[in-house]
N, C-alpha and C. Protein backbone atom coordinates (compact mmCIF):
# COMPACT_ATOMS: atom_id res chain seq x y z
N MET A 1 0.85 -1.36 0.21
CA MET A 1 0.37 0.26 -0.43
C MET A 1 0.79 1.25 0.46
N THR A 2 0.51 1.80 -0.71
CA THR A 2 0.87 3.08 -0.41
C THR A 2 0.33 4.87 -0.23
N SER A 3 0.86 5.29 0.40
CA SER A 3 -0.03 6.58 0.63
C SER A 3 -0.27 7.26 0.11
N GLN A 4 -1.40 8.03 -0.04
CA GLN A 4 -2.21 8.48 -0.63
C GLN A 4 -1.82 10.04 -0.66
N LYS A 5 -0.88 10.30 0.27
CA LYS A 5 -0.83 12.15 0.56
C LYS A 5 0.73 11.88 -0.48
N THR A 6 1.29 13.29 -1.62
CA THR A 6 2.27 13.33 -1.65
C THR A 6 3.61 14.17 -1.00
N LEU A 7 3.87 13.40 -1.11
CA LEU A 7 5.18 14.13 -0.43
C LEU A 7 6.52 15.27 -1.55
N SER A 8 6.67 16.71 -1.51
CA SER A 8 7.64 17.37 -2.61
C SER A 8 8.63 16.47 -2.16
N VAL A 9 9.72 16.38 -2.98
CA VAL A 9 11.20 16.43 -2.02
C VAL A 9 12.33 17.42 -2.57
N THR A 10 13.32 18.30 -2.86
CA THR A 10 13.50 19.34 -2.88
C THR A 10 15.67 19.12 -2.55
N LEU A 11 15.84 18.32 -3.76
CA LEU A 11 17.32 17.94 -4.00
C LEU A 11 18.43 19.27 -3.69
N SER A 12 19.58 19.76 -2.83
CA SER A 12 20.27 20.28 -3.66
C SER A 12 21.29 19.86 -4.23
N ARG A 13 22.59 21.08 -4.77
CA ARG A 13 23.45 21.17 -6.37
C ARG A 13 23.82 19.40 -5.74
N SER A 14 24.50 19.81 -4.67
CA SER A 14 25.19 18.69 -4.67
C SER A 14 24.42 17.56 -4.44
N ALA A 15 23.58 17.32 -3.85
CA ALA A 15 22.46 16.34 -3.89
C ALA A 15 22.32 15.46 -5.36
N ARG A 16 21.92 16.27 -6.23
CA ARG A 16 21.70 16.29 -7.50
C ARG A 16 22.91 15.20 -7.72
N THR A 17 23.81 15.96 -7.90
CA THR A 17 25.81 15.43 -8.35
C THR A 17 25.33 14.35 -8.10
N ALA A 18 26.38 13.67 -6.07
CA ALA A 18 25.68 12.91 -5.49
C ALA A 18 24.35 11.22 -6.54
N LEU A 19 23.58 12.03 -6.86
CA LEU A 19 22.52 11.03 -7.06
C LEU A 19 22.40 10.03 -8.61
N ALA A 20 23.26 11.91 -9.30
CA ALA A 20 23.47 10.99 -10.53
C ALA A 20 25.07 9.66 -10.67
N ALA A 21 25.35 10.39 -9.09
CA ALA A 21 27.13 9.62 -9.52
C ALA A 21 26.56 8.15 -9.42
N ARG A 22 25.75 7.54 -8.55
CA ARG A 22 24.81 6.40 -8.21
C ARG A 22 24.22 5.61 -9.70
N GLY A 23 24.22 6.56 -10.48
CA GLY A 23 23.42 5.77 -11.89
C GLY A 23 22.01 5.01 -11.42
N GLU A 24 21.78 4.10 -11.72
CA GLU A 24 21.11 3.22 -11.58
C GLU A 24 20.72 2.76 -10.33
N GLN A 25 21.01 3.06 -9.48
CA GLN A 25 21.26 2.97 -8.07
C GLN A 25 20.16 3.35 -7.23
N VAL A 26 19.10 3.19 -6.77
CA VAL A 26 17.83 3.95 -6.80
C VAL A 26 18.42 4.15 -4.77
N LEU A 27 17.93 5.87 -4.76
CA LEU A 27 18.59 6.14 -2.82
C LEU A 27 16.81 5.71 -2.42
N ARG A 28 17.11 4.70 -1.10
CA ARG A 28 15.94 4.69 -0.51
C ARG A 28 16.18 5.85 0.70
N VAL A 29 14.32 6.35 0.80
CA VAL A 29 14.67 6.70 1.87
C VAL A 29 14.12 6.63 2.43
N GLN A 30 13.92 6.33 4.39
CA GLN A 30 13.29 6.47 5.33
C GLN A 30 12.74 7.36 6.18
N LEU A 31 11.94 8.10 6.58
CA LEU A 31 11.47 9.31 7.63
C LEU A 31 10.54 8.63 8.68
N GLU A 32 11.48 8.44 9.63
CA GLU A 32 11.12 8.09 10.78
C GLU A 32 10.56 9.42 11.98
N LEU A 33 9.40 8.70 12.56
CA LEU A 33 8.78 9.95 13.36
C LEU A 33 9.05 8.96 14.35
N LEU A 34 10.24 9.22 16.06
CA LEU A 34 9.97 8.61 16.52
C LEU A 34 9.19 9.14 18.24
N PHE A 35 7.89 8.24 18.43
CA PHE A 35 7.64 8.72 19.80
C PHE A 35 7.55 8.46 20.71
N SER A 36 8.12 9.05 21.75
CA SER A 36 8.81 8.78 22.93
C SER A 36 8.02 9.53 23.81
N CYS A 37 9.25 10.20 25.05
CA CYS A 37 9.09 11.71 25.91
C CYS A 37 8.86 12.68 25.21
N MET A 38 9.93 13.08 23.69
CA MET A 38 9.76 13.81 23.01
C MET A 38 9.85 13.00 21.69
N ILE A 39 9.44 13.84 20.53
CA ILE A 39 9.37 12.98 19.17
C ILE A 39 10.51 13.52 19.27
N ARG A 40 10.37 12.96 17.98
CA ARG A 40 12.46 12.92 16.65
C ARG A 40 11.80 12.42 15.11
N LYS A 41 12.08 13.61 14.83
CA LYS A 41 12.32 13.70 13.26
C LYS A 41 13.64 12.96 12.62
N ARG A 42 13.69 12.18 12.15
CA ARG A 42 15.31 11.77 11.50
C ARG A 42 14.77 10.72 10.45
N VAL A 43 15.75 11.37 8.87
CA VAL A 43 16.11 10.85 7.59
C VAL A 43 17.13 9.89 7.47
N GLU A 44 16.65 8.65 7.00
CA GLU A 44 17.69 7.61 7.44
C GLU A 44 17.65 7.35 5.66
N ILE A 45 19.10 7.28 4.75
CA ILE A 45 19.59 6.39 3.89
C ILE A 45 19.67 4.98 4.01
N LEU A 46 18.94 4.17 4.06
CA LEU A 46 18.86 2.57 3.82
C LEU A 46 19.25 1.36 2.69
N ASP A 47 19.34 0.28 2.50
CA ASP A 47 19.10 -0.17 1.00
C ASP A 47 18.01 -1.38 1.29
N THR A 48 17.40 -1.43 1.95
CA THR A 48 16.11 -1.64 2.24
C THR A 48 15.20 -1.53 4.22
N PRO A 49 14.53 -0.67 2.95
CA PRO A 49 13.85 0.81 4.52
C PRO A 49 12.70 -1.15 5.19
N HIS A 50 12.75 -0.48 6.77
CA HIS A 50 11.33 -1.71 7.30
C HIS A 50 10.79 -1.98 6.60
N PRO A 51 10.43 -3.60 7.25
CA PRO A 51 9.08 -3.82 6.51
C PRO A 51 7.56 -3.12 6.71
N ASP A 52 7.76 -2.36 7.91
CA ASP A 52 6.32 -1.87 8.30
C ASP A 52 6.13 -0.52 7.62
N ALA A 53 7.67 0.45 6.66
CA ALA A 53 7.61 1.54 6.31
C ALA A 53 6.16 1.46 5.11
N LEU A 54 6.01 2.57 5.24
CA LEU A 54 4.70 3.11 4.15
C LEU A 54 5.60 3.65 2.69
N PRO A 55 5.48 2.54 1.82
CA PRO A 55 6.34 3.98 0.29
C PRO A 55 5.21 5.36 0.13
N MET A 56 6.49 6.35 0.08
CA MET A 56 5.33 7.12 -0.28
C MET A 56 5.44 7.98 -1.54
N ARG A 57 4.46 8.22 -2.38
CA ARG A 57 3.97 8.51 -3.43
C ARG A 57 4.07 10.67 -3.57
N LEU A 58 5.13 10.67 -4.56
CA LEU A 58 6.19 11.69 -4.57
C LEU A 58 5.58 12.69 -5.71
N ALA A 59 5.24 14.02 -5.22
CA ALA A 59 4.99 14.42 -5.65
C ALA A 59 5.51 14.76 -7.78
N ALA A 60 3.95 14.71 -8.48
CA ALA A 60 5.12 14.56 -10.19
C ALA A 60 5.78 15.70 -10.82
N ASP A 61 5.66 16.96 -9.81
CA ASP A 61 6.66 18.64 -9.95
C ASP A 61 7.71 18.54 -9.13
N CYS A 62 8.22 17.55 -8.37
CA CYS A 62 9.19 17.27 -7.24
C CYS A 62 10.28 17.10 -8.11
N ASP A 63 11.80 17.07 -7.34
CA ASP A 63 12.80 16.91 -8.11
C ASP A 63 13.46 15.40 -7.58
N GLY A 64 12.50 14.47 -6.78
CA GLY A 64 12.90 13.29 -7.04
C GLY A 64 11.78 12.42 -7.37
N ALA A 65 10.99 13.12 -8.13
CA ALA A 65 10.21 11.74 -8.88
C ALA A 65 10.49 11.20 -10.29
N SER A 66 11.45 11.93 -10.79
CA SER A 66 12.65 11.75 -12.04
C SER A 66 13.85 10.86 -11.37
N MET A 67 14.36 11.15 -10.46
CA MET A 67 16.28 10.79 -10.41
C MET A 67 15.90 9.48 -9.41
N GLY A 68 15.51 8.29 -9.10
CA GLY A 68 15.59 7.59 -8.55
C GLY A 68 15.65 7.54 -7.03
N ILE A 69 14.78 8.10 -6.82
CA ILE A 69 14.86 8.21 -4.70
C ILE A 69 13.17 7.04 -4.78
N GLU A 70 13.06 6.52 -3.78
CA GLU A 70 12.01 5.79 -3.15
C GLU A 70 12.04 6.88 -2.27
N VAL A 71 11.07 6.90 -1.15
CA VAL A 71 10.50 7.63 0.25
C VAL A 71 9.67 7.00 0.97
N PHE A 72 10.27 6.79 2.34
CA PHE A 72 9.35 5.30 3.22
C PHE A 72 8.89 6.36 4.14
N PHE A 73 8.25 6.15 5.06
CA PHE A 73 7.25 6.84 6.70
C PHE A 73 7.12 5.72 7.27
N ARG A 74 7.98 5.96 8.49
CA ARG A 74 7.60 4.75 9.79
C ARG A 74 7.56 5.76 10.51
N ALA A 75 6.08 5.16 11.57
CA ALA A 75 6.08 5.62 12.95
C ALA A 75 6.52 4.73 14.59
N VAL A 76 7.21 5.39 15.11
CA VAL A 76 8.24 4.11 16.20
C VAL A 76 7.63 5.18 17.52
N GLY A 77 7.88 3.97 18.35
CA GLY A 77 8.08 4.21 19.64
C GLY A 77 8.61 3.35 20.92
N THR A 78 8.96 3.85 21.49
CA THR A 78 9.84 3.12 22.27
C THR A 78 9.23 2.75 23.94
N ARG A 79 10.09 1.92 24.61
CA ARG A 79 9.37 1.78 25.99
C ARG A 79 9.99 2.76 26.86
N SER A 80 10.77 3.18 26.97
CA SER A 80 11.18 4.11 27.73
C SER A 80 12.02 5.38 26.97
N CYS A 81 11.55 6.04 28.14
CA CYS A 81 12.31 7.50 27.48
C CYS A 81 13.33 7.48 26.52
N ALA A 82 13.67 8.44 25.77
CA ALA A 82 14.88 8.18 24.87
C ALA A 82 15.00 9.85 24.31
N VAL A 83 15.89 10.90 25.17
CA VAL A 83 15.96 12.15 24.28
C VAL A 83 17.11 12.11 22.87
N ALA A 84 17.97 11.28 23.11
CA ALA A 84 19.25 11.65 22.28
C ALA A 84 19.02 11.23 21.38
N ASP A 85 19.80 11.84 20.50
CA ASP A 85 19.36 11.30 19.05
C ASP A 85 20.47 10.35 19.06
N GLN A 86 21.02 9.03 19.71
CA GLN A 86 21.30 8.02 19.63
C GLN A 86 20.66 6.69 18.72
N PRO A 87 20.99 5.75 18.37
CA PRO A 87 20.12 3.98 18.29
C PRO A 87 19.46 3.81 19.67
N VAL A 88 18.02 3.62 19.53
CA VAL A 88 17.01 3.01 20.41
C VAL A 88 16.83 2.01 20.70
N PRO A 89 17.57 1.25 21.60
CA PRO A 89 17.43 0.23 21.68
C PRO A 89 15.82 -0.53 21.47
N ASP A 90 15.03 -0.07 22.34
CA ASP A 90 12.99 -1.34 21.80
C ASP A 90 12.38 -0.63 21.16
N LEU A 91 13.28 -0.38 19.98
CA LEU A 91 12.57 0.57 18.90
C LEU A 91 11.13 -0.27 18.40
N GLU A 92 10.15 0.22 18.13
CA GLU A 92 9.22 -0.66 17.93
C GLU A 92 7.82 -0.11 16.70
N THR A 93 7.76 -0.33 16.08
CA THR A 93 6.52 0.36 14.87
C THR A 93 5.21 1.00 16.15
N PHE A 94 5.16 2.15 15.80
CA PHE A 94 4.34 3.16 16.29
C PHE A 94 2.36 2.73 16.35
N PRO A 95 1.87 1.33 16.42
CA PRO A 95 0.88 1.89 15.86
C PRO A 95 -0.23 2.94 15.13
N LEU A 96 -0.13 3.45 14.20
CA LEU A 96 -1.03 4.49 14.33
C LEU A 96 -2.61 4.21 13.55
N GLU A 97 -3.93 4.67 14.28
CA GLU A 97 -4.63 3.88 13.71
C GLU A 97 -5.07 4.91 12.21
N ARG A 98 -4.63 5.95 12.37
CA ARG A 98 -4.73 7.17 10.92
C ARG A 98 -3.91 7.55 10.61
N VAL A 99 -2.95 7.44 9.59
CA VAL A 99 -1.67 7.72 9.45
C VAL A 99 -1.61 8.31 8.73
N THR A 100 -2.51 8.80 7.74
CA THR A 100 -1.97 10.75 6.61
C THR A 100 -1.74 11.88 7.51
N PRO A 101 -1.96 11.78 9.17
CA PRO A 101 -2.29 13.71 9.65
C PRO A 101 -0.83 13.23 10.20
N PHE A 102 0.41 12.18 9.82
CA PHE A 102 1.87 12.44 9.89
C PHE A 102 2.40 12.07 9.06
N LEU A 103 1.83 12.13 7.93
CA LEU A 103 2.66 12.18 6.97
C LEU A 103 3.07 13.44 6.51
N PRO A 104 4.66 13.80 6.35
CA PRO A 104 5.29 14.65 6.42
C PRO A 104 4.59 14.97 5.04
N ARG A 105 4.78 16.48 4.40
CA ARG A 105 4.45 17.17 3.45
C ARG A 105 5.79 16.93 2.24
N TRP A 106 6.89 17.60 2.78
CA TRP A 106 8.29 18.37 2.33
C TRP A 106 9.42 17.34 2.56
N LEU A 107 10.23 17.08 2.11
CA LEU A 107 10.96 16.52 2.17
C LEU A 107 11.96 17.41 1.54
N ASN A 108 14.11 17.90 2.56
CA ASN A 108 15.20 18.16 1.49
C ASN A 108 16.09 17.65 2.16
N LEU A 109 16.81 17.19 0.57
CA LEU A 109 17.90 16.33 0.62
C LEU A 109 18.88 16.77 0.28
N ASP A 110 20.58 16.54 1.32
CA ASP A 110 22.08 17.34 0.48
C ASP A 110 22.75 16.04 0.63
N TYR A 111 23.60 16.06 0.16
CA TYR A 111 24.73 15.42 0.59
C TYR A 111 26.44 16.67 0.47
N ARG A 112 26.75 15.84 2.18
CA ARG A 112 27.90 16.83 2.52
C ARG A 112 29.04 16.31 3.37
N GLY A 113 30.30 15.92 1.95
CA GLY A 113 31.44 15.02 3.48
C GLY A 113 31.13 13.78 3.06
N GLY A 114 30.68 13.37 1.87
CA GLY A 114 30.28 12.09 1.68
C GLY A 114 29.05 10.91 2.61
N ARG A 115 27.81 11.91 2.96
CA ARG A 115 27.37 11.76 3.36
C ARG A 115 26.29 12.63 3.09
N TRP A 116 24.62 12.07 2.56
CA TRP A 116 23.16 11.64 2.92
C TRP A 116 22.88 13.15 3.69
N LEU A 117 22.23 13.81 4.02
CA LEU A 117 21.70 14.49 5.30
C LEU A 117 20.00 15.23 4.91
N GLY A 118 19.62 15.36 5.88
CA GLY A 118 17.74 15.33 4.76
C GLY A 118 17.28 15.46 6.34
N GLU A 119 16.32 16.40 5.86
CA GLU A 119 15.39 16.67 6.80
C GLU A 119 13.34 16.95 6.10
N PHE A 120 12.64 16.64 7.08
CA PHE A 120 10.99 17.29 6.48
C PHE A 120 10.29 17.98 7.40
N GLY A 121 9.37 18.27 7.20
CA GLY A 121 8.57 18.85 7.36
C GLY A 121 7.10 18.68 7.29
N TYR A 122 6.22 19.20 7.77
CA TYR A 122 4.55 19.08 7.54
C TYR A 122 4.18 20.85 7.52
N THR A 123 4.73 21.60 7.54
CA THR A 123 3.83 23.07 6.76
C THR A 123 3.98 22.52 5.40
N ARG A 124 2.88 24.07 4.85
CA ARG A 124 3.68 23.81 2.95
C ARG A 124 4.56 23.52 2.78
N GLU A 125 5.73 25.26 2.84
CA GLU A 125 7.24 25.18 3.09
C GLU A 125 7.72 25.23 3.85
N PRO A 126 9.17 24.43 3.66
CA PRO A 126 9.86 24.88 4.84
C PRO A 126 10.46 25.70 4.94
N LEU A 127 10.46 25.82 6.43
CA LEU A 127 11.45 27.12 6.80
C LEU A 127 12.56 27.61 6.23
N GLN A 128 13.06 28.84 6.53
CA GLN A 128 14.54 29.05 5.27
C GLN A 128 15.13 29.52 6.61
């Protein structure tokens, strides 16, 4: 099942260059929303997204639509409070009754220092 909500993807110049260098290799991006004592958003580049991750539909006019990018969304939770940006040992899929309100509207991707960096958000346009 693919989300019905569309996601707008914007790539920096260096991200476009890095993506082009991948050739036919698809870039798989997982957007993670962690529910704990605080909420954390994280963008991960993975070979294989988590089996519970929901594939997102990209907006037809966005940067990522024709450039070999697949984006997935996963809401997760913890049994204990985790506020650090470190791996969480007891991470599990968070059961959302209605996932649509939690799906992001936009994703910005950059490539610096040999690493993919990203941010996503829920307002209509990313804050500059």
